[in-house]
Protein backbone atom coordinates (compact mmCIF):
# COMPACT_ATOMS: atom_id res chain seq x y z
CA MET A 1 -30.09 32.30 -48.22
CA THR A 2 -33.42 30.64 -47.98
CA VAL A 3 -33.04 26.90 -47.71
CA ARG A 4 -35.80 24.75 -49.72
CA VAL A 5 -37.49 22.21 -47.84
CA LEU A 6 -39.51 19.03 -48.60
CA LEU A 7 -41.94 17.31 -46.11
CA VAL A 8 -42.03 13.09 -47.12
CA ASP A 9 -44.15 11.46 -44.50
CA ASP A 10 -47.38 9.47 -45.19
CA GLN A 11 -49.63 11.43 -42.59
CA ALA A 12 -51.37 14.22 -44.34
CA LEU A 13 -52.11 16.17 -41.42
CA PHE A 14 -48.21 15.94 -39.91
CA ARG A 15 -47.10 17.40 -42.92
CA GLU A 16 -49.59 20.04 -42.81
CA ALA A 17 -48.72 21.00 -38.98
CA LEU A 18 -44.51 20.71 -40.30
CA ALA A 19 -45.36 23.03 -43.04
CA MET A 20 -46.98 25.69 -40.85
CA LEU A 21 -44.34 25.38 -38.23
CA LEU A 22 -41.81 25.72 -40.84
CA GLY A 23 -43.56 28.60 -43.22
CA VAL A 24 -43.12 31.22 -40.13
CA ARG A 25 -38.89 31.05 -40.27
CA PRO A 26 -37.65 33.67 -43.13
CA ASP A 27 -34.94 31.31 -43.89
CA VAL A 28 -37.08 28.18 -44.96
CA GLU A 29 -39.40 27.34 -47.41
CA VAL A 30 -41.37 24.16 -47.92
CA VAL A 31 -41.60 24.01 -51.49
CA GLY A 32 -43.44 20.56 -51.18
CA GLU A 33 -44.96 17.40 -49.73
CA ALA A 34 -44.91 13.70 -50.68
CA GLY A 35 -47.01 10.79 -48.77
CA ASP A 36 -44.34 7.90 -49.88
CA GLY A 37 -40.42 7.41 -51.18
CA ALA A 38 -41.74 7.27 -54.74
CA GLN A 39 -43.35 10.45 -54.77
CA ALA A 40 -40.54 11.62 -52.83
CA LEU A 41 -38.13 10.93 -55.60
CA ASP A 42 -40.37 12.58 -57.98
CA ARG A 43 -40.49 15.57 -56.31
CA VAL A 44 -37.31 15.95 -55.77
CA THR A 45 -36.71 15.70 -59.39
CA ASP A 46 -39.16 18.68 -60.10
CA LEU A 47 -38.48 20.76 -56.91
CA ARG A 48 -35.35 20.34 -56.47
CA PRO A 49 -34.83 21.00 -52.82
CA ASP A 50 -32.03 21.41 -50.64
CA VAL A 51 -33.18 19.38 -47.42
CA VAL A 52 -35.67 16.71 -47.55
CA LEU A 53 -37.34 15.44 -44.15
CA MET A 54 -37.61 12.16 -44.78
CA ASP A 55 -40.23 9.39 -42.46
CA LEU A 56 -38.70 6.03 -42.58
CA ARG A 57 -41.61 3.77 -42.34
CA MET A 58 -43.71 4.89 -45.04
CA PRO A 59 -45.72 2.78 -48.16
CA VAL A 60 -44.34 2.12 -51.61
CA LEU A 61 -40.91 2.74 -51.06
CA ASP A 62 -39.88 3.29 -47.30
CA GLY A 63 -37.71 6.24 -46.26
CA ILE A 64 -34.39 4.12 -46.28
CA ALA A 65 -34.50 2.84 -49.73
CA ALA A 66 -35.79 6.37 -50.98
CA THR A 67 -33.00 7.85 -49.19
CA ARG A 68 -30.40 5.40 -51.02
CA ARG A 69 -32.12 6.37 -54.19
CA LEU A 70 -32.71 10.18 -53.80
CA ARG A 71 -28.52 10.28 -52.59
CA ALA A 72 -27.38 7.94 -55.84
CA ALA A 73 -29.82 10.30 -57.88
CA HIS A 74 -29.12 13.77 -56.32
CA PRO A 75 -26.20 13.49 -54.51
CA GLY A 76 -25.89 17.51 -53.55
CA VAL A 77 -29.69 17.16 -51.94
CA ARG A 78 -29.55 16.60 -48.02
CA VAL A 79 -31.72 14.06 -45.83
CA ILE A 80 -32.78 14.34 -42.39
CA ALA A 81 -34.50 11.18 -41.33
CA LEU A 82 -37.52 12.64 -39.10
CA THR A 83 -39.43 9.59 -37.34
CA THR A 84 -40.76 8.57 -34.08
CA PHE A 85 -38.73 5.48 -33.92
CA ASP A 86 -34.71 5.43 -32.77
CA ASP A 87 -34.12 1.41 -32.54
CA ASP A 88 -30.46 0.81 -34.01
CA ASP A 89 -31.48 -1.11 -37.36
CA ASP A 90 -33.50 2.13 -38.41
CA VAL A 91 -30.41 4.61 -36.92
CA PHE A 92 -27.85 3.12 -38.75
CA ALA A 93 -29.93 1.95 -41.88
CA ALA A 94 -30.66 5.70 -42.33
CA LEU A 95 -27.65 6.96 -41.80
CA ARG A 96 -25.67 4.11 -44.25
CA ALA A 97 -28.40 5.07 -46.95
CA GLY A 98 -26.92 8.55 -46.92
CA ALA A 99 -28.77 10.71 -44.45
CA VAL A 100 -26.95 13.67 -42.62
CA GLY A 101 -29.09 13.85 -40.03
CA TYR A 102 -31.41 11.55 -37.90
CA LEU A 103 -34.14 13.42 -35.55
CA LEU A 104 -37.20 12.19 -33.98
CA LYS A 105 -40.79 13.98 -34.35
CA ASP A 106 -41.17 14.87 -30.63
CA VAL A 107 -38.12 17.56 -31.59
CA SER A 108 -39.07 21.00 -30.61
CA SER A 109 -40.28 23.67 -34.26
CA ALA A 110 -36.69 25.75 -33.47
CA ARG A 111 -34.38 22.95 -32.99
CA LEU A 112 -35.80 21.39 -36.50
CA ALA A 113 -35.44 24.60 -38.09
CA GLU A 114 -31.90 24.94 -36.75
CA ALA A 115 -31.28 21.07 -37.95
CA VAL A 116 -32.75 22.12 -41.44
CA LEU A 117 -30.12 25.21 -41.84
CA ALA A 118 -27.35 23.10 -40.30
CA ALA A 119 -28.10 20.12 -43.00
CA ALA A 120 -28.16 22.65 -45.78
CA ARG A 121 -24.62 23.86 -44.33
CA GLY A 122 -23.50 20.39 -44.90
CA GLU A 123 -23.33 19.42 -41.24
CA SER A 124 -24.70 16.34 -39.84
CA VAL A 125 -27.65 16.73 -37.07
CA LEU A 126 -28.35 13.77 -34.63
CA GLN A 127 -30.79 13.32 -31.70
CA PRO A 128 -29.01 13.26 -28.63
CA SER A 129 -29.96 9.72 -27.87
CA VAL A 130 -29.06 8.56 -31.64
CA ALA A 131 -25.74 10.29 -31.04
CA ALA A 132 -25.08 8.61 -27.81
CA LYS A 133 -25.45 5.36 -30.60
CA VAL A 134 -23.35 6.54 -32.93
CA VAL A 135 -20.36 6.74 -30.41
CA ALA A 136 -21.13 3.59 -28.49
CA ARG A 137 -21.19 1.69 -31.96
CA ILE A 138 -18.06 3.59 -32.75
CA ALA A 139 -16.12 2.40 -29.66
CA ALA A 140 -17.56 -1.29 -29.90
CA LEU A 141 -15.57 -1.27 -33.20
CA PRO A 142 -12.80 -4.23 -33.17
CA ALA A 143 -9.28 -3.24 -33.82
CA ASP A 144 -8.81 -5.16 -36.62
CA GLU A 145 -5.77 -6.96 -34.81
CA GLY A 146 -3.60 -8.91 -37.33
CA GLN A 147 -5.29 -6.80 -40.41
CA PRO A 148 -3.64 -3.93 -42.60
CA ARG A 149 -3.58 -0.75 -40.68
CA PRO A 150 -5.64 1.95 -42.97
CA GLN A 151 -2.89 4.56 -44.66
CA PRO A 152 -2.06 7.40 -42.68
CA LEU A 153 -3.31 11.10 -43.58
CA VAL A 154 -1.40 12.49 -46.33
CA VAL A 155 -1.79 15.74 -44.45
CA PRO A 156 -2.31 15.16 -40.86
CA LEU A 157 -4.52 16.97 -38.38
CA SER A 158 -3.39 19.74 -36.49
CA ASP A 159 -3.80 19.76 -32.63
CA ARG A 160 -6.89 21.78 -32.82
CA GLU A 161 -8.74 19.57 -35.39
CA LEU A 162 -8.24 16.58 -33.44
CA GLU A 163 -10.04 18.67 -30.83
CA VAL A 164 -12.89 19.50 -33.11
CA VAL A 165 -12.96 15.80 -34.44
CA ARG A 166 -13.34 13.91 -30.87
CA LEU A 167 -15.76 16.74 -29.66
CA LEU A 168 -17.75 16.31 -33.31
CA ALA A 169 -17.57 12.61 -32.75
CA GLU A 170 -19.73 12.80 -29.91
CA GLY A 171 -22.10 14.64 -31.78
CA HIS A 172 -21.62 17.89 -30.86
CA SER A 173 -22.68 20.71 -32.76
CA ASN A 174 -20.47 23.54 -34.57
CA ARG A 175 -22.00 26.00 -31.65
CA GLU A 176 -21.26 23.47 -29.15
CA ILE A 177 -17.80 22.86 -29.95
CA ALA A 178 -17.09 26.67 -30.32
CA ALA A 179 -18.00 27.06 -26.83
CA ALA A 180 -16.18 24.03 -25.39
CA LEU A 181 -13.06 25.35 -27.31
CA PHE A 182 -13.49 28.81 -26.96
CA LEU A 183 -13.85 29.89 -30.69
CA ALA A 184 -16.09 31.31 -32.94
CA GLU A 185 -18.76 29.31 -34.80
CA GLY A 186 -17.07 30.25 -37.95
CA THR A 187 -13.84 29.11 -37.03
CA VAL A 188 -14.91 25.83 -36.00
CA LYS A 189 -16.88 25.14 -39.37
CA ASN A 190 -13.61 26.10 -41.14
CA HIS A 191 -11.91 23.28 -38.92
CA VAL A 192 -15.02 20.99 -39.79
CA THR A 193 -14.64 21.29 -43.71
CA ASN A 194 -10.75 21.05 -43.20
CA VAL A 195 -11.13 17.69 -41.12
CA LEU A 196 -13.75 16.30 -43.50
CA GLY A 197 -11.16 16.99 -46.44
CA LYS A 198 -8.26 15.31 -44.69
CA LEU A 199 -10.20 12.36 -43.68
CA GLY A 200 -12.01 12.51 -47.12
CA ALA A 201 -15.28 12.15 -45.50
CA ARG A 202 -18.79 13.48 -46.94
CA ASP A 203 -20.23 14.38 -43.65
CA ARG A 204 -19.64 14.30 -39.59
CA THR A 205 -20.41 10.74 -39.06
CA GLN A 206 -18.25 9.36 -41.40
CA ALA A 207 -15.61 11.35 -40.61
CA ALA A 208 -15.96 10.41 -36.99
CA LEU A 209 -15.96 6.98 -38.32
CA ARG A 210 -12.65 7.61 -40.24
CA ALA A 211 -11.07 9.06 -37.24
CA ARG A 212 -11.89 6.00 -35.17
CA SER A 213 -10.13 3.78 -38.08
CA LEU A 214 -7.26 5.75 -37.83
CA GLY A 215 -6.88 5.34 -34.19
CA LEU A 216 -7.35 9.66 -33.74
CA LEU A 217 -10.30 9.37 -31.30
């Protein structure tokens, strides 16, 4: 399948370069561009992309606000934040807004293309430095002593699914999890799908947070 991509960035030269880099991939089609978040919302309605590569700091409507509105109006569209900045405020604001990925603009073209394909499959994609921030934030969450504990899962995770969710929470990709557990990548993908369903999570980041709150990590 060919993944349809919308590029959103206020720098026209960067959008053009990005379109050229992704355009050589037979499995990726750049269907349009937008110079700010407001334009992005209009283009998504018209072009129906699978994945949006979203800059965060733009005029008119910034990428975080645009991501929030886009996810509300088009929940099937996956947003990857693609930005120069990786400070905590931007990272967690983008993820809370509904972005399934967070990459920096110095990412390689091959890694970016892999991230686009992974996002289209419903996977989360995080820059290693960003994944480390997420794991650190999860580890620092209070134990909520004295507060009611979350209800246990209706269908418990299997031992293998627990291994998968622990590696997932560390920011590993399906391929890396497969290598670590000596499994086929397709098998890992099935485990991840099962984990998301059992935890009631929409993506990998939410699954990690939910697993942490249940004391599974």
